[in-house]
Amino acid sequence: MNTYRATVQQLSTAQKTSKGAPAYSRFVNRKAGRYMAAAAYRLGRTPNQVTAVSAAFSALAIALVASVRPSVALGVVVAVFLAVGYAFDSADGQLARLRGGGSPAGEWLDHVVDSAKICALHLAVLVSFYRFDGRSDPELAVPLLWTFVATVSFFVIILNDQIRRAHGTAAPVTAHASVLRSLLVAPTDYGVLLLSFLLFGWHRVFVAVYAALLLANAAFLALALVKWYREIAALPKAA
């Protein structure tokens, strides 16, 4: 791989499975992460360094949500920072694969950062609702419920992956994952959630969209838990 373009091309042939991936993550974030991973590779950066950059952008966005009065400008900045952090989150795994495979410590660090980000973002929204303009109790309940749903969803997805790996049943890489399914599950996409912050300066609109995304994610989790339990129950017992 002598050029940046060649590095990008190499990454395009070494993507993880698109099965079940929602639209923004699949069609936008992974491509953005691919270019960032190629740049990091050319600069001699490590996956953990890329993870640290991702964490920094996400942490700054979350801090702004919790500490600055909502406005149109703030919403744009927060959405951009979250999007950049999310793209670097994709880039660290792609860089690891490009370098020959990730380490257990790198995977651990990536999951720790992801879990902290998912939880802290909704708690920051809760703080913002509470601090600015005296929001009502029903509005305060929305980010609290979001924290619960997002935390459980993330944990179960990671747990499913670990159990399937232990049984040798991880999903294979495929280029034929359904586009329609990616669009249907788009409301569960972290990318759609971060885009909702573009509405942060219009409180009522933001709350309506934020609550609608919560309902979609809660419904998806309820249905998915039944499916996932059946799939895990069908695995053979450990020796």
C-alpha atoms as a PDB file:
ATOM      1  CA  MET A   1       0.000   0.000   0.000  1.00  0.00           C
ATOM      2  CA  ASN A   2       2.072   2.883  -1.309  1.00  0.00           C
ATOM      3  CA  THR A   3      -0.549   5.597  -1.415  1.00  0.00           C
ATOM      4  CA  TYR A   4      -3.418   6.932   0.652  1.00  0.00           C
ATOM      5  CA  ARG A   5      -5.861   5.874  -2.072  1.00  0.00           C
ATOM      6  CA  ALA A   6      -4.486   2.334  -2.017  1.00  0.00           C
ATOM      7  CA  THR A   7      -4.900   2.253   1.761  1.00  0.00           C
ATOM      8  CA  VAL A   8      -8.537   3.334   1.453  1.00  0.00           C
ATOM      9  CA  GLN A   9      -9.098   0.641  -1.178  1.00  0.00           C
ATOM     10  CA  GLN A  10      -7.555  -1.989   1.082  1.00  0.00           C
ATOM     11  CA  LEU A  11      -9.875  -0.934   3.894  1.00  0.00           C
ATOM     12  CA  SER A  12     -12.934  -1.153   1.639  1.00  0.00           C
ATOM     13  CA  THR A  13     -12.287  -4.883   1.210  1.00  0.00           C
ATOM     14  CA  ALA A  14     -11.807  -5.513   4.936  1.00  0.00           C
ATOM     15  CA  GLN A  15     -15.078  -4.303   6.429  1.00  0.00           C
ATOM     16  CA  LYS A  16     -17.004  -6.114   9.149  1.00  0.00           C
ATOM     17  CA  THR A  17     -20.459  -7.467   8.421  1.00  0.00           C
ATOM     18  CA  SER A  18     -23.244  -5.079   7.414  1.00  0.00           C
ATOM     19  CA  LYS A  19     -25.890  -7.495   8.682  1.00  0.00           C
ATOM     20  CA  GLY A  20     -28.200  -5.614  11.025  1.00  0.00           C
ATOM     21  CA  ALA A  21     -26.286  -2.330  10.679  1.00  0.00           C
ATOM     22  CA  PRO A  22     -28.610   0.704  10.500  1.00  0.00           C
ATOM     23  CA  ALA A  23     -28.376   3.140   7.618  1.00  0.00           C
ATOM     24  CA  TYR A  24     -26.240   5.992   8.996  1.00  0.00           C
ATOM     25  CA  SER A  25     -23.688   3.647  10.531  1.00  0.00           C
ATOM     26  CA  ARG A  26     -23.530   1.511   7.417  1.00  0.00           C
ATOM     27  CA  PHE A  27     -23.526   4.082   4.619  1.00  0.00           C
ATOM     28  CA  VAL A  28     -22.087   7.218   6.243  1.00  0.00           C
ATOM     29  CA  ASN A  29     -20.106   6.458   9.361  1.00  0.00           C
ATOM     30  CA  ARG A  30     -18.136   3.475   8.134  1.00  0.00           C
ATOM     31  CA  LYS A  31     -17.104   5.316   4.987  1.00  0.00           C
ATOM     32  CA  ALA A  32     -16.019   8.369   6.984  1.00  0.00           C
ATOM     33  CA  GLY A  33     -14.164   6.093   9.381  1.00  0.00           C
ATOM     34  CA  ARG A  34     -12.453   4.404   6.451  1.00  0.00           C
ATOM     35  CA  TYR A  35     -10.857   7.673   5.322  1.00  0.00           C
ATOM     36  CA  MET A  36      -9.856   8.531   8.890  1.00  0.00           C
ATOM     37  CA  ALA A  37      -8.380   5.065   9.411  1.00  0.00           C
ATOM     38  CA  ALA A  38      -6.369   5.362   6.201  1.00  0.00           C
ATOM     39  CA  ALA A  39      -5.020   8.751   7.280  1.00  0.00           C
ATOM     40  CA  ALA A  40      -4.148   7.401  10.729  1.00  0.00           C
ATOM     41  CA  TYR A  41      -2.360   4.447   9.128  1.00  0.00           C
ATOM     42  CA  ARG A  42      -0.320   6.712   6.891  1.00  0.00           C
ATOM     43  CA  LEU A  43       0.610   8.827   9.935  1.00  0.00           C
ATOM     44  CA  GLY A  44       1.671   5.781  11.936  1.00  0.00           C
ATOM     45  CA  ARG A  45      -1.041   6.140  14.577  1.00  0.00           C
ATOM     46  CA  THR A  46      -2.293   3.233  16.690  1.00  0.00           C
ATOM     47  CA  PRO A  47      -5.925   2.132  17.152  1.00  0.00           C
ATOM     48  CA  ASN A  48      -5.838   3.194  20.807  1.00  0.00           C
ATOM     49  CA  GLN A  49      -4.737   6.680  19.794  1.00  0.00           C
ATOM     50  CA  VAL A  50      -7.666   6.874  17.381  1.00  0.00           C
ATOM     51  CA  THR A  51      -9.979   5.695  20.171  1.00  0.00           C
ATOM     52  CA  ALA A  52      -8.643   8.507  22.348  1.00  0.00           C
ATOM     53  CA  VAL A  53      -9.438  11.072  19.643  1.00  0.00           C
ATOM     54  CA  SER A  54     -12.951   9.642  19.347  1.00  0.00           C
ATOM     55  CA  ALA A  55     -13.414   9.883  23.103  1.00  0.00           C
ATOM     56  CA  ALA A  56     -12.170  13.479  23.161  1.00  0.00           C
ATOM     57  CA  PHE A  57     -14.648  14.694  20.526  1.00  0.00           C
ATOM     58  CA  SER A  58     -17.538  12.865  22.170  1.00  0.00           C
ATOM     59  CA  ALA A  59     -16.603  14.091  25.649  1.00  0.00           C
ATOM     60  CA  LEU A  60     -16.397  17.687  24.476  1.00  0.00           C
ATOM     61  CA  ALA A  61     -19.824  17.458  22.841  1.00  0.00           C
ATOM     62  CA  ILE A  62     -21.327  15.924  25.983  1.00  0.00           C
ATOM     63  CA  ALA A  63     -19.762  18.586  28.191  1.00  0.00           C
ATOM     64  CA  LEU A  64     -21.242  21.308  25.975  1.00  0.00           C
ATOM     65  CA  VAL A  65     -24.707  19.757  26.198  1.00  0.00           C
ATOM     66  CA  ALA A  66     -24.561  19.764  29.992  1.00  0.00           C
ATOM     67  CA  SER A  67     -22.972  23.168  30.508  1.00  0.00           C
ATOM     68  CA  VAL A  68     -24.164  25.556  27.769  1.00  0.00           C
ATOM     69  CA  ARG A  69     -27.672  26.910  27.313  1.00  0.00           C
ATOM     70  CA  PRO A  70     -29.301  25.243  24.283  1.00  0.00           C
ATOM     71  CA  SER A  71     -29.212  27.213  21.025  1.00  0.00           C
ATOM     72  CA  VAL A  72     -29.213  26.570  17.309  1.00  0.00           C
ATOM     73  CA  ALA A  73     -25.452  27.140  17.133  1.00  0.00           C
ATOM     74  CA  LEU A  74     -24.798  24.824  20.070  1.00  0.00           C
ATOM     75  CA  GLY A  75     -26.874  22.102  18.466  1.00  0.00           C
ATOM     76  CA  VAL A  76     -24.835  22.275  15.273  1.00  0.00           C
ATOM     77  CA  VAL A  77     -21.534  22.158  17.160  1.00  0.00           C
ATOM     78  CA  VAL A  78     -22.666  19.249  19.319  1.00  0.00           C
ATOM     79  CA  ALA A  79     -23.934  17.274  16.320  1.00  0.00           C
ATOM     80  CA  VAL A  80     -20.678  17.850  14.418  1.00  0.00           C
ATOM     81  CA  PHE A  81     -18.489  16.863  17.384  1.00  0.00           C
ATOM     82  CA  LEU A  82     -20.576  13.743  18.040  1.00  0.00           C
ATOM     83  CA  ALA A  83     -20.405  12.815  14.346  1.00  0.00           C
ATOM     84  CA  VAL A  84     -16.629  13.241  14.237  1.00  0.00           C
ATOM     85  CA  GLY A  85     -16.261  11.211  17.432  1.00  0.00           C
ATOM     86  CA  TYR A  86     -18.474   8.489  15.976  1.00  0.00           C
ATOM     87  CA  ALA A  87     -16.457   8.377  12.754  1.00  0.00           C
ATOM     88  CA  PHE A  88     -13.220   7.980  14.713  1.00  0.00           C
ATOM     89  CA  ASP A  89     -14.969   5.242  16.696  1.00  0.00           C
ATOM     90  CA  SER A  90     -15.396   3.360  13.428  1.00  0.00           C
ATOM     91  CA  ALA A  91     -11.866   4.207  12.340  1.00  0.00           C
ATOM     92  CA  ASP A  92     -10.126   2.570  15.305  1.00  0.00           C
ATOM     93  CA  GLY A  93     -11.508  -0.871  14.480  1.00  0.00           C
ATOM     94  CA  GLN A  94     -10.772  -0.474  10.784  1.00  0.00           C
ATOM     95  CA  LEU A  95      -7.230   0.623  11.561  1.00  0.00           C
ATOM     96  CA  ALA A  96      -6.778  -2.395  13.815  1.00  0.00           C
ATOM     97  CA  ARG A  97      -7.867  -4.739  11.021  1.00  0.00           C
ATOM     98  CA  LEU A  98      -5.571  -2.964   8.571  1.00  0.00           C
ATOM     99  CA  ARG A  99      -2.643  -3.480  10.943  1.00  0.00           C
ATOM    100  CA  GLY A 100      -3.347  -7.203  11.138  1.00  0.00           C
ATOM    101  CA  GLY A 101      -5.925  -7.419  13.913  1.00  0.00           C
ATOM    102  CA  GLY A 102      -6.772  -5.717  17.169  1.00  0.00           C
ATOM    103  CA  SER A 103      -5.707  -6.599  20.684  1.00  0.00           C
ATOM    104  CA  PRO A 104      -7.937  -7.621  23.606  1.00  0.00           C
ATOM    105  CA  ALA A 105      -6.899  -4.432  25.398  1.00  0.00           C
ATOM    106  CA  GLY A 106      -7.840  -2.324  22.376  1.00  0.00           C
ATOM    107  CA  GLU A 107     -11.254  -3.967  22.095  1.00  0.00           C
ATOM    108  CA  TRP A 108     -11.769  -3.482  25.839  1.00  0.00           C
ATOM    109  CA  LEU A 109     -10.859   0.204  25.623  1.00  0.00           C
ATOM    110  CA  ASP A 110     -13.176   0.744  22.661  1.00  0.00           C
ATOM    111  CA  HIS A 111     -16.122  -0.811  24.494  1.00  0.00           C
ATOM    112  CA  VAL A 112     -15.422   1.153  27.668  1.00  0.00           C
ATOM    113  CA  VAL A 113     -15.404   4.431  25.740  1.00  0.00           C
ATOM    114  CA  ASP A 114     -18.591   3.475  23.890  1.00  0.00           C
ATOM    115  CA  SER A 115     -20.442   2.535  27.060  1.00  0.00           C
ATOM    116  CA  ALA A 116     -19.368   5.744  28.814  1.00  0.00           C
ATOM    117  CA  LYS A 117     -20.409   7.849  25.807  1.00  0.00           C
ATOM    118  CA  ILE A 118     -23.823   6.236  25.451  1.00  0.00           C
ATOM    119  CA  CYS A 119     -24.656   6.678  29.123  1.00  0.00           C
ATOM    120  CA  ALA A 120     -23.139  10.150  29.572  1.00  0.00           C
ATOM    121  CA  LEU A 121     -24.835  11.689  26.539  1.00  0.00           C
ATOM    122  CA  HIS A 122     -28.345  11.112  27.879  1.00  0.00           C
ATOM    123  CA  LEU A 123     -27.354  12.162  31.383  1.00  0.00           C
ATOM    124  CA  ALA A 124     -25.996  15.379  29.884  1.00  0.00           C
ATOM    125  CA  VAL A 125     -29.371  15.987  28.244  1.00  0.00           C
ATOM    126  CA  LEU A 126     -30.999  15.415  31.642  1.00  0.00           C
ATOM    127  CA  VAL A 127     -28.688  17.996  33.215  1.00  0.00           C
ATOM    128  CA  SER A 128     -29.455  20.454  30.411  1.00  0.00           C
ATOM    129  CA  PHE A 129     -33.209  19.999  30.794  1.00  0.00           C
ATOM    130  CA  TYR A 130     -32.922  20.514  34.545  1.00  0.00           C
ATOM    131  CA  ARG A 131     -30.577  23.503  34.484  1.00  0.00           C
ATOM    132  CA  PHE A 132     -32.121  25.597  31.739  1.00  0.00           C
ATOM    133  CA  ASP A 133     -35.641  27.018  31.784  1.00  0.00           C
ATOM    134  CA  GLY A 134     -37.049  24.657  34.427  1.00  0.00           C
ATOM    135  CA  ARG A 135     -38.190  21.725  32.333  1.00  0.00           C
ATOM    136  CA  SER A 136     -41.183  19.639  33.465  1.00  0.00           C
ATOM    137  CA  ASP A 137     -40.971  16.239  35.143  1.00  0.00           C
ATOM    138  CA  PRO A 138     -42.242  14.338  32.049  1.00  0.00           C
ATOM    139  CA  GLU A 139     -39.462  15.910  29.991  1.00  0.00           C
ATOM    140  CA  LEU A 140     -36.875  14.978  32.618  1.00  0.00           C
ATOM    141  CA  ALA A 141     -38.098  11.390  32.456  1.00  0.00           C
ATOM    142  CA  VAL A 142     -37.205  11.115  28.760  1.00  0.00           C
ATOM    143  CA  PRO A 143     -33.387  11.217  29.121  1.00  0.00           C
ATOM    144  CA  LEU A 144     -33.630   9.011  32.230  1.00  0.00           C
ATOM    145  CA  LEU A 145     -35.501   6.354  30.272  1.00  0.00           C
ATOM    146  CA  TRP A 146     -33.106   6.844  27.349  1.00  0.00           C
ATOM    147  CA  THR A 147     -30.182   6.081  29.681  1.00  0.00           C
ATOM    148  CA  PHE A 148     -31.833   2.825  30.738  1.00  0.00           C
ATOM    149  CA  VAL A 149     -32.751   1.689  27.219  1.00  0.00           C
ATOM    150  CA  ALA A 150     -29.408   2.663  25.666  1.00  0.00           C
ATOM    151  CA  THR A 151     -27.355   1.033  28.434  1.00  0.00           C
ATOM    152  CA  VAL A 152     -29.290  -2.243  28.332  1.00  0.00           C
ATOM    153  CA  SER A 153     -29.186  -2.323  24.518  1.00  0.00           C
ATOM    154  CA  PHE A 154     -25.441  -1.785  24.376  1.00  0.00           C
ATOM    155  CA  PHE A 155     -24.747  -4.388  27.052  1.00  0.00           C
ATOM    156  CA  VAL A 156     -26.923  -7.053  25.427  1.00  0.00           C
ATOM    157  CA  ILE A 157     -25.444  -6.468  21.966  1.00  0.00           C
ATOM    158  CA  ILE A 158     -21.906  -6.857  23.332  1.00  0.00           C
ATOM    159  CA  LEU A 159     -22.948  -9.884  25.393  1.00  0.00           C
ATOM    160  CA  ASN A 160     -24.559 -11.525  22.353  1.00  0.00           C
ATOM    161  CA  ASP A 161     -21.371 -11.011  20.375  1.00  0.00           C
ATOM    162  CA  GLN A 162     -19.175 -12.498  23.087  1.00  0.00           C
ATOM    163  CA  ILE A 163     -21.384 -15.577  23.577  1.00  0.00           C
ATOM    164  CA  ARG A 164     -21.604 -16.201  19.829  1.00  0.00           C
ATOM    165  CA  ARG A 165     -17.844 -15.879  19.472  1.00  0.00           C
ATOM    166  CA  ALA A 166     -17.377 -18.407  22.254  1.00  0.00           C
ATOM    167  CA  HIS A 167     -19.578 -20.829  20.288  1.00  0.00           C
ATOM    168  CA  GLY A 168     -18.020 -19.992  16.922  1.00  0.00           C
ATOM    169  CA  THR A 169     -21.247 -18.571  15.508  1.00  0.00           C
ATOM    170  CA  ALA A 170     -20.336 -14.913  14.868  1.00  0.00           C
ATOM    171  CA  ALA A 171     -22.022 -13.434  11.795  1.00  0.00           C
ATOM    172  CA  PRO A 172     -19.865 -13.676   8.642  1.00  0.00           C
ATOM    173  CA  VAL A 173     -18.877 -10.630   6.621  1.00  0.00           C
ATOM    174  CA  THR A 174     -21.369 -10.113   3.799  1.00  0.00           C
ATOM    175  CA  ALA A 175     -21.887  -7.530   1.081  1.00  0.00           C
ATOM    176  CA  HIS A 176     -25.543  -8.536   0.623  1.00  0.00           C
ATOM    177  CA  ALA A 177     -27.111  -7.262   3.821  1.00  0.00           C
ATOM    178  CA  SER A 178     -30.573  -5.820   3.219  1.00  0.00           C
ATOM    179  CA  VAL A 179     -30.651  -2.094   2.484  1.00  0.00           C
ATOM    180  CA  LEU A 180     -34.342  -2.020   3.388  1.00  0.00           C
ATOM    181  CA  ARG A 181     -33.610  -3.429   6.831  1.00  0.00           C
ATOM    182  CA  SER A 182     -30.885  -0.836   7.373  1.00  0.00           C
ATOM    183  CA  LEU A 183     -33.438   1.878   6.634  1.00  0.00           C
ATOM    184  CA  LEU A 184     -36.141   0.318   8.809  1.00  0.00           C
ATOM    185  CA  VAL A 185     -33.874   0.170  11.868  1.00  0.00           C
ATOM    186  CA  ALA A 186     -32.479   3.676  11.259  1.00  0.00           C
ATOM    187  CA  PRO A 187     -34.259   5.100  14.367  1.00  0.00           C
ATOM    188  CA  THR A 188     -32.061   2.823  16.498  1.00  0.00           C
ATOM    189  CA  ASP A 189     -28.908   4.275  14.946  1.00  0.00           C
ATOM    190  CA  TYR A 190     -26.582   6.362  17.105  1.00  0.00           C
ATOM    191  CA  GLY A 191     -26.003   8.415  13.958  1.00  0.00           C
ATOM    192  CA  VAL A 192     -29.675   9.412  13.849  1.00  0.00           C
ATOM    193  CA  LEU A 193     -29.569  10.265  17.549  1.00  0.00           C
ATOM    194  CA  LEU A 194     -26.595  12.574  17.086  1.00  0.00           C
ATOM    195  CA  LEU A 195     -28.285  14.249  14.112  1.00  0.00           C
ATOM    196  CA  SER A 196     -31.272  15.031  16.343  1.00  0.00           C
ATOM    197  CA  PHE A 197     -29.048  17.484  18.219  1.00  0.00           C
ATOM    198  CA  LEU A 198     -29.258  19.750  15.180  1.00  0.00           C
ATOM    199  CA  LEU A 199     -32.682  20.563  16.674  1.00  0.00           C
ATOM    200  CA  PHE A 200     -31.303  21.274  20.148  1.00  0.00           C
ATOM    201  CA  GLY A 201     -32.020  24.996  19.841  1.00  0.00           C
ATOM    202  CA  TRP A 202     -35.735  24.338  19.275  1.00  0.00           C
ATOM    203  CA  HIS A 203     -36.636  22.723  22.574  1.00  0.00           C
ATOM    204  CA  ARG A 204     -40.145  21.458  21.842  1.00  0.00           C
ATOM    205  CA  VAL A 205     -39.129  20.026  18.486  1.00  0.00           C
ATOM    206  CA  PHE A 206     -36.038  18.418  19.963  1.00  0.00           C
ATOM    207  CA  VAL A 207     -37.993  16.852  22.832  1.00  0.00           C
ATOM    208  CA  ALA A 208     -40.577  15.465  20.400  1.00  0.00           C
ATOM    209  CA  VAL A 209     -37.923  13.902  18.148  1.00  0.00           C
ATOM    210  CA  TYR A 210     -35.817  12.744  21.118  1.00  0.00           C
ATOM    211  CA  ALA A 211     -38.872  11.093  22.726  1.00  0.00           C
ATOM    212  CA  ALA A 212     -39.915   9.478  19.434  1.00  0.00           C
ATOM    213  CA  LEU A 213     -36.445   7.975  19.062  1.00  0.00           C
ATOM    214  CA  LEU A 214     -36.695   6.690  22.634  1.00  0.00           C
ATOM    215  CA  LEU A 215     -39.990   4.955  21.874  1.00  0.00           C
ATOM    216  CA  ALA A 216     -38.545   3.417  18.704  1.00  0.00           C
ATOM    217  CA  ASN A 217     -35.475   2.154  20.548  1.00  0.00           C
ATOM    218  CA  ALA A 218     -37.532   0.775  23.445  1.00  0.00           C
ATOM    219  CA  ALA A 219     -39.856  -1.057  21.051  1.00  0.00           C
ATOM    220  CA  PHE A 220     -36.930  -2.458  19.087  1.00  0.00           C
ATOM    221  CA  LEU A 221     -35.224  -3.631  22.286  1.00  0.00           C
ATOM    222  CA  ALA A 222     -38.376  -5.350  23.546  1.00  0.00           C
ATOM    223  CA  LEU A 223     -38.791  -7.257  20.276  1.00  0.00           C
ATOM    224  CA  ALA A 224     -35.080  -7.968  19.854  1.00  0.00           C
ATOM    225  CA  LEU A 225     -34.698  -9.396  23.366  1.00  0.00           C
ATOM    226  CA  VAL A 226     -37.178 -12.149  22.523  1.00  0.00           C
ATOM    227  CA  LYS A 227     -35.361 -12.970  19.276  1.00  0.00           C
ATOM    228  CA  TRP A 228     -31.904 -12.836  20.859  1.00  0.00           C
ATOM    229  CA  TYR A 229     -32.953 -15.037  23.763  1.00  0.00           C
ATOM    230  CA  ARG A 230     -34.226 -17.695  21.380  1.00  0.00           C
ATOM    231  CA  GLU A 231     -31.000 -17.547  19.369  1.00  0.00           C
ATOM    232  CA  ILE A 232     -28.821 -17.850  22.464  1.00  0.00           C
ATOM    233  CA  ALA A 233     -31.039 -20.608  23.878  1.00  0.00           C
ATOM    234  CA  ALA A 234     -30.505 -22.584  20.668  1.00  0.00           C
ATOM    235  CA  LEU A 235     -26.738 -22.639  21.148  1.00  0.00           C
ATOM    236  CA  PRO A 236     -25.261 -25.861  22.543  1.00  0.00           C
ATOM    237  CA  LYS A 237     -24.458 -26.015  26.221  1.00  0.00           C
ATOM    238  CA  ALA A 238     -20.878 -25.248  27.219  1.00  0.00           C
ATOM    239  CA  ALA A 239     -18.705 -28.244  27.925  1.00  0.00           C
END
